[in-house]
Amino acid sequence: MKTTSLLLLIGLISCNYRSTPEMPTRWSTDKAWEWYDSQPWLVGTNFNPSTSINQLEFWQAETFDRETIARELSWSAELGMNIHRVYLHNLLWDQDSTGFIERINTYLSIADKYDIKTMLVLLDDVWHPVPILGKQPAPVPHLHNSGWVQAPGAEILGDTTRHDELEAYIKGILTRFANDDRVIVWDLYNEPDNVASQAGRADLEVKNKHIFSLALLKKVVKWTREVNPSQPVTSGIWRGNPENWGTLDSLPEIDKYMIENSDIISFHAYDGDMKVIDRKIKELKKYGRPLLCTEYLARGTGNTFESVLPIFRKHKIAAINWGLVFGKTNTIYPWESWSKEYRSEPKVWHHDILRNDGSPYSEAEVEFITNATKEK
């Protein structure tokens, strides 16, 4: 990783990227609610086909699996789901921007066939810090998300002189789909400043990551506003004490920036205590904007469809759980599989709903989900 001068770093971090009169700004509250009130109750999943270990295997030409995607999206539609959150990656743009765009378009066409809208995620700070194009590693047996990769990854993120390399990717994807009604929301950056602490990865991470993630997020927001997509944009708050979520001045700088620059407020809710989720909702409602939960479901903690969905339905909060079909990501195994050895399928699945033949992990759970989505 290149060494960045202190003066350059301070200059980038202190820059607020304030909007000029010509550049569109964050949506007004009225516009955000007008958009949200026109939507049904949005219920769906973070989607990655079961044959892909990560975003790169999902989208690269050699492994883009139309048949599996179509089959699994049909199962999602049978559950009554109407939104999927889907991750992209900047390296795919660098590799073959034209082909990447074509494959995104193919995916969106398949999803549209099943009346499923898509929330595209542009960047991600979670799991492996060193993404590499080409053939992806085989899953480590019984290990949660052994192959998921960050975007852009440590090499670019930790060198602010290279952040501008991402402008073509961000603007290129946004511009191509800025007026495409199959894309419902843009998630600019998933869990910025999430540090990979898994075995063998901590030394690969960016030091003082929060500084670099905030610098990059500010640029991504600027580039996004310059494109001015017709869809709302967001970046979801995911950590910290929910008692403080409704008070901007009590938040870390990056969390505050995410909320202040999101048209609609998104958040993660893996909490096992429903009182904590209620508190998150209460605090986030103080901002007066529509709410989307873009990640939940951790059955072992008590965070289940049966416990969480009724809360979101009551408040008409979009509900997007993690995982549809058990596959290469191995997300039926809990996060603790990185520190505790698993040798067989867990009795209680962590994420995901269906096996790769379409049969449910739990018949009762699937019945609950389909009954809940009928009430949209």
Protein backbone atom coordinates (compact mmCIF):
# COMPACT_ATOMS: atom_id res chain seq x y z
CA MET A 1 0.00 0.00 0.00
CA LYS A 2 1.38 3.43 -0.91
CA THR A 3 2.23 5.93 1.81
CA THR A 4 -0.08 8.93 1.84
CA SER A 5 1.18 12.26 3.10
CA LEU A 6 -0.43 13.58 6.25
CA LEU A 7 -1.28 16.90 4.61
CA LEU A 8 -3.07 15.22 1.71
CA LEU A 9 -5.01 12.98 4.07
CA ILE A 10 -6.08 15.87 6.29
CA GLY A 11 -7.13 17.85 3.23
CA LEU A 12 -9.29 15.06 1.92
CA ILE A 13 -10.93 14.33 5.24
CA SER A 14 -11.72 17.95 5.99
CA CYS A 15 -13.34 18.53 2.61
CA ASN A 16 -17.13 18.64 2.99
CA TYR A 17 -17.92 18.44 -0.72
CA ARG A 18 -20.65 21.01 -0.29
CA SER A 19 -23.11 21.15 -3.15
CA THR A 20 -22.84 23.95 -5.69
CA PRO A 21 -26.07 25.57 -6.89
CA GLU A 22 -25.85 23.44 -10.04
CA MET A 23 -25.39 20.11 -8.25
CA PRO A 24 -28.46 18.25 -6.93
CA THR A 25 -28.58 17.76 -3.20
CA ARG A 26 -30.15 15.30 -0.82
CA TRP A 27 -33.84 14.74 -1.43
CA SER A 28 -36.25 16.81 0.60
CA THR A 29 -38.21 15.00 3.28
CA ASP A 30 -41.40 15.52 1.27
CA LYS A 31 -39.86 13.96 -1.83
CA ALA A 32 -38.58 10.99 0.16
CA TRP A 33 -42.01 10.33 1.62
CA GLU A 34 -43.75 10.82 -1.71
CA TRP A 35 -41.49 8.13 -3.12
CA TYR A 36 -41.92 5.77 -0.17
CA ASP A 37 -45.68 6.15 0.09
CA SER A 38 -45.95 5.03 -3.53
CA GLN A 39 -44.27 1.71 -2.69
CA PRO A 40 -45.86 -1.44 -1.29
CA TRP A 41 -44.42 -2.86 1.90
CA LEU A 42 -40.99 -3.93 0.66
CA VAL A 43 -39.96 -7.39 1.82
CA GLY A 44 -37.05 -9.37 0.43
CA THR A 45 -33.57 -10.68 0.86
CA ASN A 46 -29.92 -9.97 0.23
CA PHE A 47 -29.45 -12.10 -2.87
CA ASN A 48 -26.38 -14.01 -3.98
CA PRO A 49 -26.93 -17.14 -6.08
CA SER A 50 -26.07 -20.36 -4.27
CA THR A 51 -23.41 -21.18 -6.87
CA SER A 52 -21.38 -18.03 -6.08
CA ILE A 53 -19.08 -17.61 -3.10
CA ASN A 54 -18.92 -13.82 -3.49
CA GLN A 55 -19.70 -10.83 -5.71
CA LEU A 56 -16.93 -11.63 -8.18
CA GLU A 57 -18.10 -15.18 -8.82
CA PHE A 58 -21.66 -13.89 -9.10
CA TRP A 59 -20.87 -11.45 -11.92
CA GLN A 60 -17.79 -12.64 -13.84
CA ALA A 61 -18.64 -13.90 -17.33
CA GLU A 62 -17.30 -17.41 -16.73
CA THR A 63 -19.44 -17.97 -13.63
CA PHE A 64 -22.53 -15.81 -14.23
CA ASP A 65 -25.19 -18.48 -13.67
CA ARG A 66 -28.41 -17.36 -15.37
CA GLU A 67 -30.13 -20.69 -14.78
CA THR A 68 -29.54 -20.67 -11.02
CA ILE A 69 -30.41 -16.98 -10.75
CA ALA A 70 -33.74 -17.49 -12.54
CA ARG A 71 -34.60 -20.58 -10.50
CA GLU A 72 -33.81 -18.96 -7.17
CA LEU A 73 -35.58 -15.71 -8.01
CA SER A 74 -38.68 -17.74 -8.83
CA TRP A 75 -38.51 -19.26 -5.36
CA SER A 76 -38.18 -15.79 -3.86
CA ALA A 77 -41.29 -14.67 -5.75
CA GLU A 78 -43.18 -17.68 -4.42
CA LEU A 79 -42.40 -16.44 -0.92
CA GLY A 80 -43.99 -13.12 -1.86
CA MET A 81 -40.74 -11.15 -1.87
CA ASN A 82 -40.62 -7.99 -3.97
CA ILE A 83 -37.12 -6.57 -3.37
CA HIS A 84 -33.58 -7.93 -3.45
CA ARG A 85 -30.42 -6.23 -2.26
CA VAL A 86 -27.56 -7.16 -4.59
CA TYR A 87 -23.83 -6.43 -4.31
CA LEU A 88 -21.63 -5.25 -7.17
CA HIS A 89 -17.83 -4.76 -7.25
CA ASN A 90 -15.51 -2.17 -8.76
CA LEU A 91 -13.06 -4.80 -10.07
CA LEU A 92 -15.78 -6.14 -12.34
CA TRP A 93 -16.01 -2.73 -13.96
CA ASP A 94 -12.25 -2.60 -14.41
CA GLN A 95 -12.24 -6.09 -15.90
CA ASP A 96 -15.02 -5.64 -18.47
CA SER A 97 -17.34 -2.69 -17.99
CA THR A 98 -19.45 -3.45 -21.06
CA GLY A 99 -19.94 -7.10 -20.19
CA PHE A 100 -20.61 -6.23 -16.56
CA ILE A 101 -23.35 -3.79 -17.56
CA GLU A 102 -24.87 -6.42 -19.83
CA ARG A 103 -24.93 -9.01 -17.04
CA ILE A 104 -26.50 -6.54 -14.61
CA ASN A 105 -29.14 -5.83 -17.23
CA THR A 106 -29.74 -9.58 -17.65
CA TYR A 107 -30.14 -9.98 -13.90
CA LEU A 108 -32.56 -7.06 -13.69
CA SER A 109 -34.63 -8.51 -16.55
CA ILE A 110 -34.92 -11.85 -14.76
CA ALA A 111 -35.87 -10.15 -11.48
CA ASP A 112 -38.39 -7.95 -13.29
CA LYS A 113 -40.05 -11.05 -14.71
CA TYR A 114 -40.88 -11.98 -11.13
CA ASP A 115 -41.87 -8.43 -10.11
CA ILE A 116 -38.82 -8.10 -7.89
CA LYS A 117 -37.14 -4.69 -7.58
CA THR A 118 -33.40 -4.43 -6.95
CA MET A 119 -31.35 -2.39 -4.50
CA LEU A 120 -27.80 -2.25 -5.85
CA VAL A 121 -24.85 -1.98 -3.43
CA LEU A 122 -21.76 -0.29 -4.89
CA LEU A 123 -19.07 -0.66 -2.20
CA ASP A 124 -18.54 -2.87 0.86
CA ASP A 125 -16.05 -2.84 3.75
CA VAL A 126 -16.89 -6.34 5.06
CA TRP A 127 -14.87 -9.60 5.14
CA HIS A 128 -11.74 -10.21 3.05
CA PRO A 129 -9.69 -7.01 2.41
CA VAL A 130 -7.89 -8.32 -0.70
CA PRO A 131 -10.27 -9.02 -3.61
CA ILE A 132 -8.73 -10.73 -6.66
CA LEU A 133 -10.33 -11.26 -10.04
CA GLY A 134 -10.42 -14.65 -11.72
CA LYS A 135 -11.24 -18.05 -10.33
CA GLN A 136 -12.49 -17.68 -6.75
CA PRO A 137 -11.54 -20.00 -3.88
CA ALA A 138 -13.66 -22.96 -2.92
CA PRO A 139 -15.70 -22.50 0.26
CA VAL A 140 -14.05 -23.52 3.51
CA PRO A 141 -16.41 -26.21 4.87
CA HIS A 142 -18.72 -25.07 7.66
CA LEU A 143 -17.25 -21.53 7.71
CA HIS A 144 -19.49 -18.46 7.41
CA ASN A 145 -18.67 -16.30 4.35
CA SER A 146 -15.16 -17.67 3.88
CA GLY A 147 -14.84 -16.08 0.44
CA TRP A 148 -16.72 -12.76 0.58
CA VAL A 149 -14.54 -9.80 -0.44
CA GLN A 150 -14.45 -6.08 0.25
CA ALA A 151 -14.92 -3.44 -2.43
CA PRO A 152 -12.68 -1.72 -3.25
CA GLY A 153 -10.44 -3.54 -0.76
CA ALA A 154 -7.47 -2.40 1.29
CA GLU A 155 -5.07 -1.54 -1.53
CA ILE A 156 -7.26 1.23 -2.95
CA LEU A 157 -9.13 2.19 0.21
CA GLY A 158 -5.94 2.77 2.21
CA ASP A 159 -4.40 5.08 -0.39
CA THR A 160 -6.40 8.27 -0.81
CA THR A 161 -4.47 9.12 -3.97
CA ARG A 162 -6.21 6.14 -5.58
CA HIS A 163 -9.79 6.86 -4.52
CA ASP A 164 -10.48 8.73 -7.75
CA GLU A 165 -9.89 5.47 -9.63
CA LEU A 166 -13.41 4.51 -8.53
CA GLU A 167 -15.14 7.51 -10.09
CA ALA A 168 -15.64 5.85 -13.49
CA TYR A 169 -17.16 2.76 -11.85
CA ILE A 170 -19.51 4.69 -9.57
CA LYS A 171 -20.65 7.12 -12.25
CA GLY A 172 -20.76 4.48 -14.95
CA ILE A 173 -23.10 2.14 -13.09
CA LEU A 174 -25.24 4.98 -11.75
CA THR A 175 -25.56 6.65 -15.15
CA ARG A 176 -26.54 3.45 -16.93
CA PHE A 177 -29.33 2.62 -14.47
CA ALA A 178 -30.20 6.09 -13.14
CA ASN A 179 -33.65 6.05 -14.74
CA ASP A 180 -34.28 2.30 -14.73
CA ASP A 181 -37.38 1.53 -12.67
CA ARG A 182 -36.13 -2.02 -12.06
CA VAL A 183 -33.58 -0.44 -9.69
CA ILE A 184 -35.48 0.87 -6.68
CA VAL A 185 -32.71 2.19 -4.37
CA TRP A 186 -28.95 2.73 -4.44
CA ASP A 187 -26.94 1.58 -1.41
CA LEU A 188 -23.69 3.45 -1.85
CA TYR A 189 -21.46 1.77 0.73
CA ASN A 190 -22.19 -1.21 2.98
CA GLU A 191 -20.88 -1.01 6.55
CA PRO A 192 -18.04 1.46 5.96
CA ASP A 193 -15.29 1.01 8.55
CA ASN A 194 -16.16 -2.61 9.32
CA VAL A 195 -12.77 -4.17 10.11
CA ALA A 196 -11.99 -7.78 9.18
CA SER A 197 -10.90 -9.40 12.44
CA GLN A 198 -11.11 -13.00 11.20
CA ALA A 199 -8.10 -15.27 11.55
CA GLY A 200 -5.29 -14.28 9.21
CA ARG A 201 -6.99 -11.15 7.92
CA ALA A 202 -6.49 -8.45 10.53
CA ASP A 203 -2.95 -7.73 9.28
CA LEU A 204 -4.33 -7.15 5.78
CA GLU A 205 -6.72 -4.43 6.91
CA VAL A 206 -6.30 -0.69 6.51
CA LYS A 207 -5.02 0.93 9.69
CA ASN A 208 -7.26 3.76 10.95
CA LYS A 209 -9.83 2.50 8.48
CA HIS A 210 -12.53 4.91 9.60
CA ILE A 211 -10.50 7.83 8.24
CA PHE A 212 -10.15 6.32 4.79
CA SER A 213 -13.71 4.98 4.59
CA LEU A 214 -15.14 8.40 5.41
CA ALA A 215 -12.91 10.08 2.83
CA LEU A 216 -14.07 7.61 0.16
CA LEU A 217 -17.73 7.80 1.19
CA LYS A 218 -17.68 11.58 0.80
CA LYS A 219 -16.38 11.25 -2.73
CA VAL A 220 -18.93 8.58 -3.60
CA VAL A 221 -21.75 10.82 -2.37
CA LYS A 222 -20.38 13.70 -4.46
CA TRP A 223 -20.14 11.55 -7.60
CA THR A 224 -23.64 10.20 -7.00
CA ARG A 225 -25.18 13.65 -6.67
CA GLU A 226 -23.42 14.71 -9.87
CA VAL A 227 -25.18 11.85 -11.68
CA ASN A 228 -28.47 12.61 -9.89
CA PRO A 229 -30.24 9.24 -10.24
CA SER A 230 -34.02 9.15 -10.17
CA GLN A 231 -33.92 6.61 -7.33
CA PRO A 232 -33.16 7.47 -3.69
CA VAL A 233 -29.70 6.78 -2.28
CA THR A 234 -28.68 5.57 1.15
CA SER A 235 -25.85 4.13 3.22
CA GLY A 236 -26.94 2.21 6.27
CA ILE A 237 -26.07 2.75 9.91
CA TRP A 238 -25.05 -0.55 11.45
CA ARG A 239 -23.23 -0.25 14.78
CA GLY A 240 -23.12 1.47 18.12
CA ASN A 241 -25.58 2.08 20.90
CA PRO A 242 -29.10 2.54 19.48
CA GLU A 243 -29.81 4.87 22.39
CA ASN A 244 -27.68 7.38 20.46
CA TRP A 245 -28.89 6.71 16.94
CA GLY A 246 -31.39 9.55 16.99
CA THR A 247 -28.88 12.19 18.06
CA LEU A 248 -26.47 13.18 15.30
CA ASP A 249 -23.93 14.84 17.58
CA SER A 250 -23.52 11.62 19.57
CA LEU A 251 -22.64 9.52 16.52
CA PRO A 252 -19.20 8.75 15.10
CA GLU A 253 -18.43 11.13 12.24
CA ILE A 254 -18.93 8.50 9.54
CA ASP A 255 -22.33 7.44 10.92
CA LYS A 256 -23.44 11.05 11.14
CA TYR A 257 -22.37 11.61 7.54
CA MET A 258 -24.29 8.55 6.36
CA ILE A 259 -27.52 9.75 7.93
CA GLU A 260 -27.11 13.35 6.80
CA ASN A 261 -26.55 12.29 3.19
CA SER A 262 -29.13 9.51 2.79
CA ASP A 263 -32.41 10.30 1.05
CA ILE A 264 -34.00 7.46 2.99
CA ILE A 265 -32.54 6.04 6.22
CA SER A 266 -31.33 2.44 6.17
CA PHE A 267 -30.03 0.34 9.03
CA HIS A 268 -29.08 -3.17 10.14
CA ALA A 269 -30.87 -5.08 12.89
CA TYR A 270 -29.33 -8.40 13.90
CA ASP A 271 -30.30 -7.86 17.53
CA GLY A 272 -31.86 -10.76 19.39
CA ASP A 273 -33.71 -8.49 21.79
CA MET A 274 -36.74 -7.00 20.05
CA LYS A 275 -36.69 -4.13 22.53
CA VAL A 276 -33.38 -3.05 20.98
CA ILE A 277 -34.90 -3.10 17.49
CA ASP A 278 -37.88 -1.11 18.75
CA ARG A 279 -35.42 1.40 20.18
CA LYS A 280 -33.54 1.65 16.89
CA ILE A 281 -36.77 2.39 15.07
CA LYS A 282 -37.84 4.97 17.66
CA GLU A 283 -34.50 6.77 17.42
CA LEU A 284 -34.27 6.70 13.63
CA LYS A 285 -37.81 8.01 13.25
CA LYS A 286 -36.55 11.27 14.76
CA TYR A 287 -35.02 12.11 11.37
CA GLY A 288 -38.48 12.14 9.80
CA ARG A 289 -37.56 9.99 6.79
CA PRO A 290 -38.63 6.57 5.49
CA LEU A 291 -36.79 3.61 7.03
CA LEU A 292 -35.39 0.48 5.40
CA CYS A 293 -33.80 -2.40 7.27
CA THR A 294 -31.28 -3.80 4.80
CA GLU A 295 -29.96 -6.66 6.95
CA TYR A 296 -31.49 -8.83 9.66
CA LEU A 297 -31.94 -12.52 10.58
CA ALA A 298 -29.66 -14.26 13.08
CA ARG A 299 -31.84 -17.11 14.33
CA GLY A 300 -29.49 -18.26 17.07
CA THR A 301 -29.81 -14.93 18.86
CA GLY A 302 -33.62 -14.91 18.65
CA ASN A 303 -33.63 -12.67 15.57
CA THR A 304 -36.11 -14.60 13.42
CA PHE A 305 -38.75 -13.86 10.83
CA GLU A 306 -41.42 -14.55 13.43
CA SER A 307 -39.94 -12.03 15.88
CA VAL A 308 -38.79 -9.27 13.50
CA LEU A 309 -41.21 -9.12 10.55
CA PRO A 310 -44.26 -8.13 12.65
CA ILE A 311 -42.34 -5.13 13.98
CA PHE A 312 -41.38 -3.96 10.51
CA ARG A 313 -44.86 -4.56 9.15
CA LYS A 314 -46.37 -2.51 11.97
CA HIS A 315 -44.21 0.48 11.03
CA LYS A 316 -44.13 -0.23 7.25
CA ILE A 317 -40.36 -0.50 7.34
CA ALA A 318 -38.76 -2.27 4.40
CA ALA A 319 -37.43 -5.66 5.57
CA ILE A 320 -34.49 -7.24 3.76
CA ASN A 321 -33.02 -10.28 5.48
CA TRP A 322 -29.64 -11.86 4.80
CA GLY A 323 -29.70 -14.85 2.50
CA LEU A 324 -32.15 -16.83 0.40
CA VAL A 325 -30.60 -20.17 -0.61
CA PHE A 326 -27.95 -22.16 1.25
CA GLY A 327 -24.90 -22.24 -1.00
CA LYS A 328 -21.23 -21.44 -1.31
CA THR A 329 -21.33 -18.55 1.16
CA ASN A 330 -22.15 -21.02 3.96
CA THR A 331 -24.14 -18.38 5.80
CA ILE A 332 -26.31 -21.00 7.49
CA TYR A 333 -23.32 -21.16 9.85
CA PRO A 334 -23.05 -18.41 12.48
CA TRP A 335 -20.38 -15.72 12.68
CA GLU A 336 -18.82 -17.66 15.56
CA SER A 337 -17.78 -20.39 13.09
CA TRP A 338 -14.62 -18.28 12.68
CA SER A 339 -13.68 -19.02 16.29
CA LYS A 340 -15.62 -22.23 17.03
CA GLU A 341 -15.27 -25.31 14.84
CA TYR A 342 -18.38 -26.70 13.14
CA ARG A 343 -18.30 -30.16 11.55
CA SER A 344 -21.87 -30.48 10.35
CA GLU A 345 -24.93 -28.43 9.49
CA PRO A 346 -26.07 -26.42 12.51
CA LYS A 347 -29.40 -27.39 14.02
CA VAL A 348 -30.41 -23.72 13.93
CA TRP A 349 -29.51 -21.97 10.68
CA HIS A 350 -27.98 -18.52 11.06
CA HIS A 351 -29.11 -16.99 7.72
CA ASP A 352 -30.84 -18.26 4.56
CA ILE A 353 -34.30 -19.74 4.01
CA LEU A 354 -34.12 -22.54 1.44
CA ARG A 355 -31.89 -25.46 0.52
CA ASN A 356 -30.47 -25.51 -2.99
CA ASP A 357 -33.24 -27.83 -4.16
CA GLY A 358 -35.81 -25.24 -3.07
CA SER A 359 -36.99 -27.09 0.02
CA PRO A 360 -37.29 -24.93 3.14
CA TYR A 361 -35.12 -25.00 6.23
CA SER A 362 -38.43 -24.72 8.09
CA GLU A 363 -41.87 -25.37 6.62
CA ALA A 364 -43.47 -23.35 9.41
CA GLU A 365 -41.16 -20.43 8.79
CA VAL A 366 -41.88 -20.37 5.05
CA GLU A 367 -45.60 -20.44 5.80
CA PHE A 368 -45.13 -17.50 8.16
CA ILE A 369 -43.18 -15.51 5.55
CA THR A 370 -45.72 -16.11 2.78
CA ASN A 371 -48.60 -15.17 5.08
CA ALA A 372 -46.78 -11.99 6.11
CA THR A 373 -46.05 -10.92 2.54
CA LYS A 374 -49.67 -11.45 1.54
CA GLU A 375 -50.52 -8.58 3.88
CA LYS A 376 -48.39 -6.08 1.91
